[in-house]
PDB file of N, CA and C in Angstrom:
ATOM      1  N   MET A   1      67.419 125.584  93.279  1.00  0.00           N
ATOM      2  CA  MET A   1      67.331 125.216  92.070  1.00  0.00           C
ATOM      3  C   MET A   1      69.036 125.720  91.041  1.00  0.00           C
ATOM      4  N   ARG A   2      69.022 126.605  91.572  1.00  0.00           N
ATOM      5  CA  ARG A   2      70.538 127.037  90.834  1.00  0.00           C
ATOM      6  C   ARG A   2      71.690 125.701  91.661  1.00  0.00           C
ATOM      7  N   ALA A   3      71.486 125.112  93.028  1.00  0.00           N
ATOM      8  CA  ALA A   3      72.639 124.834  92.770  1.00  0.00           C
ATOM      9  C   ALA A   3      71.951 123.012  91.795  1.00  0.00           C
ATOM     10  N   PHE A   4      71.360 122.622  92.189  1.00  0.00           N
ATOM     11  CA  PHE A   4      70.972 121.786  90.775  1.00  0.00           C
ATOM     12  C   PHE A   4      71.319 121.807  90.128  1.00  0.00           C
ATOM     13  N   LEU A   5      70.925 123.167  89.130  1.00  0.00           N
ATOM     14  CA  LEU A   5      72.006 123.013  87.918  1.00  0.00           C
ATOM     15  C   LEU A   5      73.546 123.337  87.295  1.00  0.00           C
ATOM     16  N   LEU A   6      74.248 123.500  88.400  1.00  0.00           N
ATOM     17  CA  LEU A   6      75.530 123.528  89.133  1.00  0.00           C
ATOM     18  C   LEU A   6      75.846 121.806  89.201  1.00  0.00           C
ATOM     19  N   ILE A   7      74.703 121.163  89.745  1.00  0.00           N
ATOM     20  CA  ILE A   7      75.391 119.607  89.613  1.00  0.00           C
ATOM     21  C   ILE A   7      75.030 119.080  88.262  1.00  0.00           C
ATOM     22  N   ILE A   8      74.454 119.337  87.653  1.00  0.00           N
ATOM     23  CA  ILE A   8      74.010 118.460  86.188  1.00  0.00           C
ATOM     24  C   ILE A   8      75.299 119.313  85.150  1.00  0.00           C
ATOM     25  N   LEU A   9      75.399 120.652  85.182  1.00  0.00           N
ATOM     26  CA  LEU A   9      76.550 120.845  84.437  1.00  0.00           C
ATOM     27  C   LEU A   9      77.815 120.467  84.698  1.00  0.00           C
ATOM     28  N   ALA A  10      78.054 120.154  85.752  1.00  0.00           N
ATOM     29  CA  ALA A  10      79.282 119.267  86.527  1.00  0.00           C
ATOM     30  C   ALA A  10      79.026 117.702  85.764  1.00  0.00           C
ATOM     31  N   CYS A  11      78.369 117.435  85.726  1.00  0.00           N
ATOM     32  CA  CYS A  11      77.644 115.879  85.290  1.00  0.00           C
ATOM     33  C   CYS A  11      78.259 115.679  83.624  1.00  0.00           C
ATOM     34  N   LEU A  12      77.268 116.827  83.713  1.00  0.00           N
ATOM     35  CA  LEU A  12      77.392 116.891  82.218  1.00  0.00           C
ATOM     36  C   LEU A  12      78.973 117.071  80.951  1.00  0.00           C
ATOM     37  N   ALA A  13      79.540 117.997  81.757  1.00  0.00           N
ATOM     38  CA  ALA A  13      81.599 118.653  81.502  1.00  0.00           C
ATOM     39  C   ALA A  13      81.821 117.729  80.983  1.00  0.00           C
ATOM     40  N   ALA A  14      82.051 117.674  79.684  1.00  0.00           N
ATOM     41  CA  ALA A  14      83.262 116.875  79.352  1.00  0.00           C
ATOM     42  C   ALA A  14      84.847 116.961  80.346  1.00  0.00           C
ATOM     43  N   ILE A  15      85.148 115.309  80.150  1.00  0.00           N
ATOM     44  CA  ILE A  15      86.685 115.674  81.020  1.00  0.00           C
ATOM     45  C   ILE A  15      87.504 115.475  79.563  1.00  0.00           C
ATOM     46  N   SER A  16      88.255 116.140  80.030  1.00  0.00           N
ATOM     47  CA  SER A  16      90.224 116.116  78.985  1.00  0.00           C
ATOM     48  C   SER A  16      90.733 115.466  79.709  1.00  0.00           C
ATOM     49  N   HIS A  17      91.549 115.095  79.424  1.00  0.00           N
ATOM     50  CA  HIS A  17      93.301 115.240  79.835  1.00  0.00           C
ATOM     51  C   HIS A  17      94.221 115.568  79.120  1.00  0.00           C
ATOM     52  N   ALA A  18      94.081 116.351  78.217  1.00  0.00           N
ATOM     53  CA  ALA A  18      94.405 117.586  77.539  1.00  0.00           C
ATOM     54  C   ALA A  18      95.424 118.042  77.899  1.00  0.00           C
ATOM     55  N   ILE A  19      96.046 119.492  77.951  1.00  0.00           N
ATOM     56  CA  ILE A  19      96.643 120.293  78.666  1.00  0.00           C
ATOM     57  C   ILE A  19      96.217 121.581  77.848  1.00  0.00           C
ATOM     58  N   VAL A  20      95.341 121.881  78.423  1.00  0.00           N
ATOM     59  CA  VAL A  20      94.632 123.880  77.793  1.00  0.00           C
ATOM     60  C   VAL A  20      95.577 124.774  78.070  1.00  0.00           C
ATOM     61  N   GLY A  21      95.398 124.735  76.237  1.00  0.00           N
ATOM     62  CA  GLY A  21      95.934 126.801  76.070  1.00  0.00           C
ATOM     63  C   GLY A  21      97.861 126.323  75.620  1.00  0.00           C
ATOM     64  N   GLY A  22      97.242 125.053  75.948  1.00  0.00           N
ATOM     65  CA  GLY A  22      99.645 124.880  75.952  1.00  0.00           C
ATOM     66  C   GLY A  22      99.822 124.814  74.037  1.00  0.00           C
ATOM     67  N   GLU A  23     101.036 124.814  73.803  1.00  0.00           N
ATOM     68  CA  GLU A  23     101.237 125.217  72.792  1.00  0.00           C
ATOM     69  C   GLU A  23     102.634 124.246  72.640  1.00  0.00           C
ATOM     70  N   ASP A  24     102.761 123.043  71.195  1.00  0.00           N
ATOM     71  CA  ASP A  24     103.553 122.464  70.886  1.00  0.00           C
ATOM     72  C   ASP A  24     105.025 123.195  70.932  1.00  0.00           C
ATOM     73  N   VAL A  25     106.021 122.466  70.609  1.00  0.00           N
ATOM     74  CA  VAL A  25     107.771 122.495  71.318  1.00  0.00           C
ATOM     75  C   VAL A  25     108.562 121.634  70.566  1.00  0.00           C
ATOM     76  N   ASP A  26     109.864 121.229  70.182  1.00  0.00           N
ATOM     77  CA  ASP A  26     110.263 120.820  69.565  1.00  0.00           C
ATOM     78  C   ASP A  26     111.121 119.408  70.140  1.00  0.00           C
ATOM     79  N   LYS A  27     111.229 118.362  69.985  1.00  0.00           N
ATOM     80  CA  LYS A  27     111.739 117.219  71.247  1.00  0.00           C
ATOM     81  C   LYS A  27     113.062 118.520  71.713  1.00  0.00           C
ATOM     82  N   GLY A  28     113.608 117.759  72.635  1.00  0.00           N
ATOM     83  CA  GLY A  28     114.465 118.640  73.801  1.00  0.00           C
ATOM     84  C   GLY A  28     114.228 119.467  73.473  1.00  0.00           C
ATOM     85  N   THR A  29     113.512 120.451  73.843  1.00  0.00           N
ATOM     86  CA  THR A  29     113.109 121.989  74.547  1.00  0.00           C
ATOM     87  C   THR A  29     113.509 122.119  76.059  1.00  0.00           C
ATOM     88  N   PHE A  30     112.402 120.276  76.207  1.00  0.00           N
ATOM     89  CA  PHE A  30     112.536 120.547  78.484  1.00  0.00           C
ATOM     90  C   PHE A  30     113.209 118.931  78.306  1.00  0.00           C
ATOM     91  N   PRO A  31     114.979 118.910  77.939  1.00  0.00           N
ATOM     92  CA  PRO A  31     115.085 117.363  78.291  1.00  0.00           C
ATOM     93  C   PRO A  31     115.101 117.604  79.950  1.00  0.00           C
ATOM     94  N   TYR A  32     114.711 117.570  80.845  1.00  0.00           N
ATOM     95  CA  TYR A  32     114.461 117.467  82.024  1.00  0.00           C
ATOM     96  C   TYR A  32     113.264 116.700  82.697  1.00  0.00           C
ATOM     97  N   VAL A  33     112.030 117.239  81.824  1.00  0.00           N
ATOM     98  CA  VAL A  33     111.122 116.400  81.773  1.00  0.00           C
ATOM     99  C   VAL A  33     110.504 114.970  81.738  1.00  0.00           C
ATOM    100  N   VAL A  34     110.092 114.361  82.354  1.00  0.00           N
ATOM    101  CA  VAL A  34     110.159 113.104  82.541  1.00  0.00           C
ATOM    102  C   VAL A  34     108.715 112.643  82.885  1.00  0.00           C
ATOM    103  N   SER A  35     108.318 111.597  82.265  1.00  0.00           N
ATOM    104  CA  SER A  35     106.691 110.265  82.445  1.00  0.00           C
ATOM    105  C   SER A  35     107.238 109.666  83.553  1.00  0.00           C
ATOM    106  N   VAL A  36     106.695 110.224  84.806  1.00  0.00           N
ATOM    107  CA  VAL A  36     105.863 108.585  85.786  1.00  0.00           C
ATOM    108  C   VAL A  36     105.054 108.195  85.716  1.00  0.00           C
ATOM    109  N   GLN A  37     105.289 106.972  85.448  1.00  0.00           N
ATOM    110  CA  GLN A  37     104.891 105.680  84.880  1.00  0.00           C
ATOM    111  C   GLN A  37     104.068 104.675  86.375  1.00  0.00           C
ATOM    112  N   GLU A  38     103.384 103.734  86.331  1.00  0.00           N
ATOM    113  CA  GLU A  38     102.944 103.431  87.368  1.00  0.00           C
ATOM    114  C   GLU A  38     103.162 101.404  86.362  1.00  0.00           C
ATOM    115  N   ASP A  39     103.512 100.074  86.786  1.00  0.00           N
ATOM    116  CA  ASP A  39     103.554  98.773  86.156  1.00  0.00           C
ATOM    117  C   ASP A  39     101.683  98.280  86.233  1.00  0.00           C
ATOM    118  N   GLY A  40     101.572  97.968  85.841  1.00  0.00           N
ATOM    119  CA  GLY A  40      99.673  96.812  85.772  1.00  0.00           C
ATOM    120  C   GLY A  40     100.126  96.577  86.400  1.00  0.00           C
ATOM    121  N   TRP A  41      98.662  95.496  86.456  1.00  0.00           N
ATOM    122  CA  TRP A  41      98.470  94.428  86.722  1.00  0.00           C
ATOM    123  C   TRP A  41      99.201  93.211  85.614  1.00  0.00           C
ATOM    124  N   THR A  42      98.616  93.136  84.265  1.00  0.00           N
ATOM    125  CA  THR A  42      98.684  92.982  82.618  1.00  0.00           C
ATOM    126  C   THR A  42      99.487  93.072  82.602  1.00  0.00           C
ATOM    127  N   GLY A  43     100.886  93.724  82.888  1.00  0.00           N
ATOM    128  CA  GLY A  43     102.000  93.876  81.927  1.00  0.00           C
ATOM    129  C   GLY A  43     101.744  95.271  81.614  1.00  0.00           C
ATOM    130  N   SER A  44     101.007  95.856  81.265  1.00  0.00           N
ATOM    131  CA  SER A  44     101.015  97.204  80.769  1.00  0.00           C
ATOM    132  C   SER A  44     101.345  98.512  81.569  1.00  0.00           C
ATOM    133  N   VAL A  45     101.292  99.684  80.944  1.00  0.00           N
ATOM    134  CA  VAL A  45     101.752 100.608  81.821  1.00  0.00           C
ATOM    135  C   VAL A  45     100.642 101.100  81.752  1.00  0.00           C
ATOM    136  N   LYS A  46     100.663 102.426  83.613  1.00  0.00           N
ATOM    137  CA  LYS A  46     100.371 103.706  83.009  1.00  0.00           C
ATOM    138  C   LYS A  46     100.498 104.747  83.563  1.00  0.00           C
ATOM    139  N   GLN A  47     100.467 105.689  82.211  1.00  0.00           N
ATOM    140  CA  GLN A  47     100.541 107.397  82.557  1.00  0.00           C
ATOM    141  C   GLN A  47     100.027 107.672  83.919  1.00  0.00           C
ATOM    142  N   LEU A  48     100.960 107.662  84.287  1.00  0.00           N
ATOM    143  CA  LEU A  48     100.469 108.814  86.023  1.00  0.00           C
ATOM    144  C   LEU A  48     100.179 110.147  85.739  1.00  0.00           C
ATOM    145  N   CYS A  49     101.894 111.427  85.952  1.00  0.00           N
ATOM    146  CA  CYS A  49     101.729 112.372  85.716  1.00  0.00           C
ATOM    147  C   CYS A  49     103.357 112.727  85.129  1.00  0.00           C
ATOM    148  N   GLY A  50     103.776 114.175  84.865  1.00  0.00           N
ATOM    149  CA  GLY A  50     104.656 114.202  84.371  1.00  0.00           C
ATOM    150  C   GLY A  50     105.698 114.865  85.219  1.00  0.00           C
ATOM    151  N   GLY A  51     106.925 115.038  85.399  1.00  0.00           N
ATOM    152  CA  GLY A  51     107.531 115.357  86.299  1.00  0.00           C
ATOM    153  C   GLY A  51     109.102 116.162  86.176  1.00  0.00           C
ATOM    154  N   PHE A  52     110.020 116.449  87.003  1.00  0.00           N
ATOM    155  CA  PHE A  52     111.513 116.985  85.823  1.00  0.00           C
ATOM    156  C   PHE A  52     112.654 116.269  87.036  1.00  0.00           C
ATOM    157  N   ILE A  53     113.698 116.399  86.320  1.00  0.00           N
ATOM    158  CA  ILE A  53     114.611 115.502  87.119  1.00  0.00           C
ATOM    159  C   ILE A  53     115.326 117.017  87.708  1.00  0.00           C
ATOM    160  N   VAL A  54     115.956 116.837  89.360  1.00  0.00           N
ATOM    161  CA  VAL A  54     116.616 117.580  90.186  1.00  0.00           C
ATOM    162  C   VAL A  54     117.921 116.895  89.880  1.00  0.00           C
ATOM    163  N   LYS A  55     118.379 116.057  90.213  1.00  0.00           N
ATOM    164  CA  LYS A  55     119.749 115.834  90.139  1.00  0.00           C
ATOM    165  C   LYS A  55     119.670 114.243  89.816  1.00  0.00           C
ATOM    166  N   ALA A  56     120.624 113.529  89.072  1.00  0.00           N
ATOM    167  CA  ALA A  56     120.603 112.420  88.250  1.00  0.00           C
ATOM    168  C   ALA A  56     119.961 111.311  88.668  1.00  0.00           C
ATOM    169  N   ASN A  57     119.558 111.309  90.208  1.00  0.00           N
ATOM    170  CA  ASN A  57     118.735 110.424  90.394  1.00  0.00           C
ATOM    171  C   ASN A  57     117.545 110.688  91.153  1.00  0.00           C
ATOM    172  N   LYS A  58     117.455 111.692  91.142  1.00  0.00           N
ATOM    173  CA  LYS A  58     116.535 112.185  92.387  1.00  0.00           C
ATOM    174  C   LYS A  58     115.026 113.400  90.635  1.00  0.00           C
ATOM    175  N   VAL A  59     113.747 112.343  91.187  1.00  0.00           N
ATOM    176  CA  VAL A  59     112.855 113.663  90.155  1.00  0.00           C
ATOM    177  C   VAL A  59     111.362 114.180  91.430  1.00  0.00           C
ATOM    178  N   VAL A  60     110.844 115.248  90.993  1.00  0.00           N
ATOM    179  CA  VAL A  60     110.263 116.447  91.196  1.00  0.00           C
ATOM    180  C   VAL A  60     108.815 115.733  90.536  1.00  0.00           C
ATOM    181  N   THR A  61     107.706 115.259  91.325  1.00  0.00           N
ATOM    182  CA  THR A  61     106.638 114.994  91.071  1.00  0.00           C
ATOM    183  C   THR A  61     105.175 115.412  91.337  1.00  0.00           C
ATOM    184  N   ALA A  62     103.756 115.601  91.614  1.00  0.00           N
ATOM    185  CA  ALA A  62     103.176 116.306  92.202  1.00  0.00           C
ATOM    186  C   ALA A  62     102.850 115.035  93.326  1.00  0.00           C
ATOM    187  N   ALA A  63     102.504 115.167  94.412  1.00  0.00           N
ATOM    188  CA  ALA A  63     102.853 114.236  95.487  1.00  0.00           C
ATOM    189  C   ALA A  63     100.917 113.246  95.381  1.00  0.00           C
ATOM    190  N   ASP A  64      99.762 114.027  95.022  1.00  0.00           N
ATOM    191  CA  ASP A  64      98.307 113.201  94.468  1.00  0.00           C
ATOM    192  C   ASP A  64      98.932 112.215  93.709  1.00  0.00           C
ATOM    193  N   CYS A  65     100.121 112.621  92.622  1.00  0.00           N
ATOM    194  CA  CYS A  65     100.521 111.269  91.785  1.00  0.00           C
ATOM    195  C   CYS A  65     100.605 109.868  92.111  1.00  0.00           C
ATOM    196  N   VAL A  66     101.772 110.005  93.169  1.00  0.00           N
ATOM    197  CA  VAL A  66     101.740 108.390  93.820  1.00  0.00           C
ATOM    198  C   VAL A  66     101.226 108.242  95.452  1.00  0.00           C
ATOM    199  N   ASP A  67     100.332 109.491  95.650  1.00  0.00           N
ATOM    200  CA  ASP A  67     100.554 109.325  96.809  1.00  0.00           C
ATOM    201  C   ASP A  67      99.334 107.383  96.975  1.00  0.00           C
ATOM    202  N   GLY A  68     100.086 106.619  98.001  1.00  0.00           N
ATOM    203  CA  GLY A  68      99.616 105.632  98.280  1.00  0.00           C
ATOM    204  C   GLY A  68      99.823 104.121  97.507  1.00  0.00           C
ATOM    205  N   LEU A  69     101.388 104.498  96.478  1.00  0.00           N
ATOM    206  CA  LEU A  69     101.392 103.405  95.451  1.00  0.00           C
ATOM    207  C   LEU A  69     102.704 102.721  96.004  1.00  0.00           C
ATOM    208  N   VAL A  70     103.173 101.023  95.125  1.00  0.00           N
ATOM    209  CA  VAL A  70     103.925 100.513  95.592  1.00  0.00           C
ATOM    210  C   VAL A  70     105.309 101.693  95.065  1.00  0.00           C
ATOM    211  N   ALA A  71     105.892 102.041  95.410  1.00  0.00           N
ATOM    212  CA  ALA A  71     107.115 102.672  94.658  1.00  0.00           C
ATOM    213  C   ALA A  71     107.679 101.578  93.657  1.00  0.00           C
ATOM    214  N   SER A  72     108.521 100.620  94.026  1.00  0.00           N
ATOM    215  CA  SER A  72     108.655  99.345  93.575  1.00  0.00           C
ATOM    216  C   SER A  72     107.533  98.840  92.003  1.00  0.00           C
ATOM    217  N   LYS A  73     106.596  99.438  91.896  1.00  0.00           N
ATOM    218  CA  LYS A  73     106.076  99.520  90.928  1.00  0.00           C
ATOM    219  C   LYS A  73     106.001 100.858  89.839  1.00  0.00           C
ATOM    220  N   LEU A  74     106.362 101.945  90.050  1.00  0.00           N
ATOM    221  CA  LEU A  74     106.900 102.923  89.483  1.00  0.00           C
ATOM    222  C   LEU A  74     107.975 103.163  89.196  1.00  0.00           C
ATOM    223  N   ARG A  75     107.797 103.832  87.712  1.00  0.00           N
ATOM    224  CA  ARG A  75     109.051 104.242  86.238  1.00  0.00           C
ATOM    225  C   ARG A  75     108.811 105.522  85.854  1.00  0.00           C
ATOM    226  N   VAL A  76     110.292 106.144  85.851  1.00  0.00           N
ATOM    227  CA  VAL A  76     110.675 107.485  85.158  1.00  0.00           C
ATOM    228  C   VAL A  76     110.726 106.986  83.778  1.00  0.00           C
ATOM    229  N   LEU A  77     110.028 107.420  83.108  1.00  0.00           N
ATOM    230  CA  LEU A  77     110.377 107.956  81.823  1.00  0.00           C
ATOM    231  C   LEU A  77     111.556 108.681  81.045  1.00  0.00           C
ATOM    232  N   GLY A  78     112.715 109.479  80.762  1.00  0.00           N
ATOM    233  CA  GLY A  78     113.078 110.331  79.773  1.00  0.00           C
ATOM    234  C   GLY A  78     113.360 110.465  78.349  1.00  0.00           C
ATOM    235  N   GLY A  79     113.824 111.008  78.248  1.00  0.00           N
ATOM    236  CA  GLY A  79     113.813 110.754  76.711  1.00  0.00           C
ATOM    237  C   GLY A  79     113.332 111.686  75.407  1.00  0.00           C
ATOM    238  N   ASP A  80     112.669 111.439  74.657  1.00  0.00           N
ATOM    239  CA  ASP A  80     111.461 111.566  74.029  1.00  0.00           C
ATOM    240  C   ASP A  80     110.328 110.745  74.481  1.00  0.00           C
ATOM    241  N   VAL A  81     109.207 111.562  75.547  1.00  0.00           N
ATOM    242  CA  VAL A  81     107.887 110.714  76.413  1.00  0.00           C
ATOM    243  C   VAL A  81     106.823 111.387  75.732  1.00  0.00           C
TER     244      VAL A  81
END
């Protein structure tokens, strides 16, 4: 019965993409943070995750954000993201 209730609660839980407990900051506070995006089939752009600049031509992000994706379809956007 307990497992059943946990499954029901998990199914009813709201999915949120917001950062929980985050704080607003002024633009330019974190100039090394970038947006990692993927070009869609219809010309749309999908935000995948964030990353940070470690060198002029290198960005670090979570592996599960880009695992299995084609590199030529990815883009990195810096500035006011």
